[in-house]
Amino acid sequence: MIRSATVNDIPEIRAMIRELAAYERAEEQARATEEQLREALFGEQPAAFALIAEDDGTGEVMGYALWFPRFSTWTGTRGMHLEDLYVRAHARGAGYGKALLAALAAICRRNGYDRFEWWVLAWNSPTIDFYKSLGVELLDEWKVCRLSGEPLRELAAQAPPVRHPAADAQERHSCGPR
C-alpha cells in the first residue's frame, strides 16, 4: 500500500533517512531532526511532501519517497523533484520502489507537472539499472552543483543589498523568503 505520510510517520521517516545515508556511505551527513522534518512536511508552509510504502499484510513501513515541487523556466511549468526514494533492504525487489515511483508519476499527471526529476549516485548500478528498466532518461551531460558550508557563507557575504519595495509585494515575493 502507498499512502501519504502523516505526522506520526516522522520517527520512521527519520530512521529511513539515516538508513539511506548509511547505504550511500554518508551517514554523518544525515543530520535532520524529527522537529525539522515535522516542520518541513507538516508545518504551516510545507517545504516537501512524503509517501509511505507499507506491507499490506503487516502494516510494516517498507520505504518512503520525499519530494517537492520545482519550476522550469524553459517549459514555464511546475515539475517534481524527488529528493529521496528508499526501500528497506529486506523489501527490495518486492515492487515497493516501483509503486512509489508510479504514485509520484500519478501526482505529476494530476497536477500537470511536465517533469519528474531526481539524482542517483553514479556508483549505484543496481538502482540505475532499475531506473533504466522504467524508461528513465539519464542526463549525463548535466552536473550537480552544490554550494554549502564556508564557501556558501563567503559568497553570501559578497551579496549586494536586495531592494524590497514595500509598494510592490509581488517584487518582494519574487526574491523569496527573507
C-alpha atoms as a PDB file:
ATOM      1  CA  MET A   1       0.000   0.000   0.000  1.00  0.00           C
ATOM      2  CA  ILE A   2       1.166   3.517  -0.785  1.00  0.00           C
ATOM      3  CA  ARG A   3      -0.203   6.349   1.334  1.00  0.00           C
ATOM      4  CA  SER A   4       0.556   9.947   2.203  1.00  0.00           C
ATOM      5  CA  ALA A   5       2.804  10.323   5.215  1.00  0.00           C
ATOM      6  CA  THR A   6       1.313  11.584   8.468  1.00  0.00           C
ATOM      7  CA  VAL A   7       2.961  13.398  11.349  1.00  0.00           C
ATOM      8  CA  ASN A   8       3.062  10.025  13.167  1.00  0.00           C
ATOM      9  CA  ASP A   9       5.454   8.736  10.464  1.00  0.00           C
ATOM     10  CA  ILE A  10       8.177  11.263  11.350  1.00  0.00           C
ATOM     11  CA  PRO A  11      10.268   8.880  13.519  1.00  0.00           C
ATOM     12  CA  GLU A  12      10.114   6.159  10.841  1.00  0.00           C
ATOM     13  CA  ILE A  13      10.962   8.638   8.057  1.00  0.00           C
ATOM     14  CA  ARG A  14      13.948   9.905  10.040  1.00  0.00           C
ATOM     15  CA  ALA A  15      15.118   6.330  10.633  1.00  0.00           C
ATOM     16  CA  MET A  16      14.881   5.557   6.915  1.00  0.00           C
ATOM     17  CA  ILE A  17      16.733   8.768   6.034  1.00  0.00           C
ATOM     18  CA  ARG A  18      19.591   7.520   8.210  1.00  0.00           C
ATOM     19  CA  GLU A  19      19.396   4.056   6.617  1.00  0.00           C
ATOM     20  CA  LEU A  20      19.560   5.667   3.164  1.00  0.00           C
ATOM     21  CA  ALA A  21      22.516   7.815   4.209  1.00  0.00           C
ATOM     22  CA  ALA A  22      24.326   4.726   5.504  1.00  0.00           C
ATOM     23  CA  TYR A  23      23.647   2.933   2.198  1.00  0.00           C
ATOM     24  CA  GLU A  24      25.013   5.962   0.330  1.00  0.00           C
ATOM     25  CA  ARG A  25      28.122   5.969   2.568  1.00  0.00           C
ATOM     26  CA  ALA A  26      27.296   9.380   4.045  1.00  0.00           C
ATOM     27  CA  GLU A  27      25.577   8.688   7.360  1.00  0.00           C
ATOM     28  CA  GLU A  28      27.359  11.585   9.097  1.00  0.00           C
ATOM     29  CA  GLN A  29      25.655  13.994   6.672  1.00  0.00           C
ATOM     30  CA  ALA A  30      22.106  12.941   7.648  1.00  0.00           C
ATOM     31  CA  ARG A  31      21.549  15.474  10.419  1.00  0.00           C
ATOM     32  CA  ALA A  32      17.834  16.312  10.024  1.00  0.00           C
ATOM     33  CA  THR A  33      15.974  16.155  13.324  1.00  0.00           C
ATOM     34  CA  GLU A  34      12.419  14.972  13.849  1.00  0.00           C
ATOM     35  CA  GLU A  35      11.451  18.564  14.624  1.00  0.00           C
ATOM     36  CA  GLN A  36      12.930  19.785  11.324  1.00  0.00           C
ATOM     37  CA  LEU A  37      11.132  17.054   9.400  1.00  0.00           C
ATOM     38  CA  ARG A  38       7.851  17.800  11.179  1.00  0.00           C
ATOM     39  CA  GLU A  39       8.107  21.483  10.193  1.00  0.00           C
ATOM     40  CA  ALA A  40       9.235  20.700   6.624  1.00  0.00           C
ATOM     41  CA  LEU A  41       6.467  18.171   5.959  1.00  0.00           C
ATOM     42  CA  PHE A  42       3.596  19.342   8.152  1.00  0.00           C
ATOM     43  CA  GLY A  43       4.319  22.963   9.073  1.00  0.00           C
ATOM     44  CA  GLU A  44       2.313  25.998   8.027  1.00  0.00           C
ATOM     45  CA  GLN A  45       4.160  26.160   4.683  1.00  0.00           C
ATOM     46  CA  PRO A  46       5.377  22.625   3.864  1.00  0.00           C
ATOM     47  CA  ALA A  47       8.687  22.512   2.028  1.00  0.00           C
ATOM     48  CA  ALA A  48       8.225  18.909   0.925  1.00  0.00           C
ATOM     49  CA  PHE A  49       5.795  16.012   0.873  1.00  0.00           C
ATOM     50  CA  ALA A  50       6.191  12.300   1.537  1.00  0.00           C
ATOM     51  CA  LEU A  51       4.631   8.991   0.607  1.00  0.00           C
ATOM     52  CA  ILE A  52       4.963   5.815   2.660  1.00  0.00           C
ATOM     53  CA  ALA A  53       5.078   2.250   1.319  1.00  0.00           C
ATOM     54  CA  GLU A  54       3.573  -0.259   3.728  1.00  0.00           C
ATOM     55  CA  ASP A  55       3.229  -4.019   3.605  1.00  0.00           C
ATOM     56  CA  ASP A  56      -0.454  -4.763   3.024  1.00  0.00           C
ATOM     57  CA  GLY A  57      -0.484  -7.683   5.440  1.00  0.00           C
ATOM     58  CA  THR A  58       1.584  -6.438   8.357  1.00  0.00           C
ATOM     59  CA  GLY A  59       1.417  -2.663   8.022  1.00  0.00           C
ATOM     60  CA  GLU A  60       5.218  -2.565   8.319  1.00  0.00           C
ATOM     61  CA  VAL A  61       6.789   0.512   6.720  1.00  0.00           C
ATOM     62  CA  MET A  62       8.888  -0.715   3.804  1.00  0.00           C
ATOM     63  CA  GLY A  63      10.001   2.567   2.269  1.00  0.00           C
ATOM     64  CA  TYR A  64       9.291   6.187   1.550  1.00  0.00           C
ATOM     65  CA  ALA A  65       9.541   8.868  -1.103  1.00  0.00           C
ATOM     66  CA  LEU A  66      10.103  12.527  -0.275  1.00  0.00           C
ATOM     67  CA  TRP A  67       9.507  15.150  -2.968  1.00  0.00           C
ATOM     68  CA  PHE A  68       8.921  18.840  -3.559  1.00  0.00           C
ATOM     69  CA  PRO A  69       7.642  20.964  -6.456  1.00  0.00           C
ATOM     70  CA  ARG A  70      10.053  22.717  -8.790  1.00  0.00           C
ATOM     71  CA  PHE A  71       9.667  25.116 -11.682  1.00  0.00           C
ATOM     72  CA  SER A  72      11.152  25.070 -15.184  1.00  0.00           C
ATOM     73  CA  THR A  73      11.820  28.396 -16.851  1.00  0.00           C
ATOM     74  CA  TRP A  74      12.166  26.546 -20.172  1.00  0.00           C
ATOM     75  CA  THR A  75       8.724  24.949 -20.118  1.00  0.00           C
ATOM     76  CA  GLY A  76       7.072  27.551 -17.889  1.00  0.00           C
ATOM     77  CA  THR A  77       5.583  24.733 -15.848  1.00  0.00           C
ATOM     78  CA  ARG A  78       5.931  23.115 -12.484  1.00  0.00           C
ATOM     79  CA  GLY A  79       7.557  19.764 -12.002  1.00  0.00           C
ATOM     80  CA  MET A  80       8.543  17.393  -9.241  1.00  0.00           C
ATOM     81  CA  HIS A  81      11.945  16.843  -7.651  1.00  0.00           C
ATOM     82  CA  LEU A  82      12.303  13.519  -5.875  1.00  0.00           C
ATOM     83  CA  GLU A  83      14.715  14.109  -3.008  1.00  0.00           C
ATOM     84  CA  ASP A  84      14.632  10.590  -1.555  1.00  0.00           C
ATOM     85  CA  LEU A  85      13.378   7.218  -2.702  1.00  0.00           C
ATOM     86  CA  TYR A  86      14.219   4.476  -0.253  1.00  0.00           C
ATOM     87  CA  VAL A  87      13.102   0.896   0.180  1.00  0.00           C
ATOM     88  CA  ARG A  88      14.459  -1.077   3.109  1.00  0.00           C
ATOM     89  CA  ALA A  89      16.979  -3.747   2.150  1.00  0.00           C
ATOM     90  CA  HIS A  90      14.773  -6.713   3.093  1.00  0.00           C
ATOM     91  CA  ALA A  91      11.903  -5.338   0.972  1.00  0.00           C
ATOM     92  CA  ARG A  92      13.813  -4.583  -2.223  1.00  0.00           C
ATOM     93  CA  GLY A  93      12.633  -6.407  -5.323  1.00  0.00           C
ATOM     94  CA  ALA A  94       9.064  -6.713  -3.996  1.00  0.00           C
ATOM     95  CA  GLY A  95       7.694  -3.788  -6.023  1.00  0.00           C
ATOM     96  CA  TYR A  96       7.660  -1.044  -3.381  1.00  0.00           C
ATOM     97  CA  GLY A  97      10.071   1.233  -5.234  1.00  0.00           C
ATOM     98  CA  LYS A  98       8.137   0.923  -8.477  1.00  0.00           C
ATOM     99  CA  ALA A  99       4.845   1.516  -6.619  1.00  0.00           C
ATOM    100  CA  LEU A 100       6.254   4.673  -5.004  1.00  0.00           C
ATOM    101  CA  LEU A 101       7.524   5.968  -8.357  1.00  0.00           C
ATOM    102  CA  ALA A 102       4.191   5.165 -10.027  1.00  0.00           C
ATOM    103  CA  ALA A 103       2.311   7.022  -7.272  1.00  0.00           C
ATOM    104  CA  LEU A 104       4.617  10.025  -7.742  1.00  0.00           C
ATOM    105  CA  ALA A 105       4.131   9.895 -11.519  1.00  0.00           C
ATOM    106  CA  ALA A 106       0.362   9.940 -10.917  1.00  0.00           C
ATOM    107  CA  ILE A 107       0.763  13.035  -8.698  1.00  0.00           C
ATOM    108  CA  CYS A 108       2.719  14.663 -11.544  1.00  0.00           C
ATOM    109  CA  ARG A 109      -0.036  13.877 -14.045  1.00  0.00           C
ATOM    110  CA  ARG A 110      -2.806  15.034 -11.689  1.00  0.00           C
ATOM    111  CA  ASN A 111      -1.016  18.353 -11.013  1.00  0.00           C
ATOM    112  CA  GLY A 112       0.011  18.974 -14.626  1.00  0.00           C
ATOM    113  CA  TYR A 113       3.730  18.629 -13.864  1.00  0.00           C
ATOM    114  CA  ASP A 114       5.745  18.196 -17.069  1.00  0.00           C
ATOM    115  CA  ARG A 115       8.919  16.912 -15.419  1.00  0.00           C
ATOM    116  CA  PHE A 116       9.730  14.386 -12.708  1.00  0.00           C
ATOM    117  CA  GLU A 117      13.433  14.527 -11.860  1.00  0.00           C
ATOM    118  CA  TRP A 118      15.874  13.218  -9.300  1.00  0.00           C
ATOM    119  CA  TRP A 119      19.524  12.340  -8.829  1.00  0.00           C
ATOM    120  CA  VAL A 120      21.210   8.971  -8.495  1.00  0.00           C
ATOM    121  CA  LEU A 121      24.753   8.285  -7.380  1.00  0.00           C
ATOM    122  CA  ALA A 122      26.979   7.237 -10.287  1.00  0.00           C
ATOM    123  CA  TRP A 123      28.238   4.141  -8.427  1.00  0.00           C
ATOM    124  CA  ASN A 124      24.736   2.845  -7.605  1.00  0.00           C
ATOM    125  CA  SER A 125      24.443   0.392 -10.512  1.00  0.00           C
ATOM    126  CA  PRO A 126      21.507  -1.666  -9.168  1.00  0.00           C
ATOM    127  CA  THR A 127      19.395   1.457  -8.785  1.00  0.00           C
ATOM    128  CA  ILE A 128      20.473   2.863 -12.145  1.00  0.00           C
ATOM    129  CA  ASP A 129      19.521  -0.432 -13.790  1.00  0.00           C
ATOM    130  CA  PHE A 130      16.128  -0.330 -12.032  1.00  0.00           C
ATOM    131  CA  TYR A 131      15.502   3.227 -13.257  1.00  0.00           C
ATOM    132  CA  LYS A 132      16.516   2.303 -16.809  1.00  0.00           C
ATOM    133  CA  SER A 133      14.033  -0.590 -16.731  1.00  0.00           C
ATOM    134  CA  LEU A 134      11.292   2.009 -16.165  1.00  0.00           C
ATOM    135  CA  GLY A 135      12.381   4.099 -19.149  1.00  0.00           C
ATOM    136  CA  VAL A 136      14.119   6.824 -17.138  1.00  0.00           C
ATOM    137  CA  GLU A 137      16.346   9.120 -19.198  1.00  0.00           C
ATOM    138  CA  LEU A 138      19.763   9.627 -17.573  1.00  0.00           C
ATOM    139  CA  LEU A 139      21.047  13.145 -18.271  1.00  0.00           C
ATOM    140  CA  ASP A 140      24.788  12.548 -18.335  1.00  0.00           C
ATOM    141  CA  GLU A 141      25.550  15.991 -19.748  1.00  0.00           C
ATOM    142  CA  TRP A 142      24.386  17.735 -16.529  1.00  0.00           C
ATOM    143  CA  LYS A 143      26.462  18.033 -13.367  1.00  0.00           C
ATOM    144  CA  VAL A 144      25.016  18.687  -9.917  1.00  0.00           C
ATOM    145  CA  CYS A 145      26.324  21.896  -8.348  1.00  0.00           C
ATOM    146  CA  ARG A 146      26.341  22.361  -4.586  1.00  0.00           C
ATOM    147  CA  LEU A 147      27.428  25.331  -2.515  1.00  0.00           C
ATOM    148  CA  SER A 148      27.433  24.832   1.265  1.00  0.00           C
ATOM    149  CA  GLY A 149      29.406  25.489   4.434  1.00  0.00           C
ATOM    150  CA  GLU A 150      32.157  28.092   4.326  1.00  0.00           C
ATOM    151  CA  PRO A 151      32.018  28.716   0.549  1.00  0.00           C
ATOM    152  CA  LEU A 152      28.278  29.476   0.892  1.00  0.00           C
ATOM    153  CA  ARG A 153      28.955  31.879   3.761  1.00  0.00           C
ATOM    154  CA  GLU A 154      31.773  33.568   1.819  1.00  0.00           C
ATOM    155  CA  LEU A 155      29.666  34.088  -1.291  1.00  0.00           C
ATOM    156  CA  ALA A 156      26.693  35.336   0.754  1.00  0.00           C
ATOM    157  CA  ALA A 157      28.969  37.903   2.414  1.00  0.00           C
ATOM    158  CA  GLN A 158      29.611  39.384  -1.053  1.00  0.00           C
ATOM    159  CA  ALA A 159      25.917  39.888  -1.853  1.00  0.00           C
ATOM    160  CA  PRO A 160      24.760  43.379  -2.736  1.00  0.00           C
ATOM    161  CA  PRO A 161      21.687  44.654  -0.915  1.00  0.00           C
ATOM    162  CA  VAL A 162      18.433  43.414  -2.464  1.00  0.00           C
ATOM    163  CA  ARG A 163      15.692  46.020  -2.632  1.00  0.00           C
ATOM    164  CA  HIS A 164      12.262  45.088  -1.291  1.00  0.00           C
ATOM    165  CA  PRO A 165       9.971  48.000  -2.173  1.00  0.00           C
ATOM    166  CA  ALA A 166       7.026  47.996   0.238  1.00  0.00           C
ATOM    167  CA  ALA A 167       4.696  49.176  -2.537  1.00  0.00           C
ATOM    168  CA  ASP A 168       5.397  46.176  -4.723  1.00  0.00           C
ATOM    169  CA  ALA A 169       4.585  42.998  -2.785  1.00  0.00           C
ATOM    170  CA  GLN A 170       4.912  40.917  -5.943  1.00  0.00           C
ATOM    171  CA  GLU A 171       8.532  42.005  -6.486  1.00  0.00           C
ATOM    172  CA  ARG A 172       9.339  41.332  -2.823  1.00  0.00           C
ATOM    173  CA  HIS A 173       7.853  37.853  -3.152  1.00  0.00           C
ATOM    174  CA  SER A 174       9.904  37.128  -6.268  1.00  0.00           C
ATOM    175  CA  CYS A 175      13.136  37.303  -4.295  1.00  0.00           C
ATOM    176  CA  GLY A 176      11.955  34.567  -1.982  1.00  0.00           C
ATOM    177  CA  PRO A 177      11.635  34.474   1.785  1.00  0.00           C
ATOM    178  CA  ARG A 178      13.742  36.868   3.809  1.00  0.00           C
END
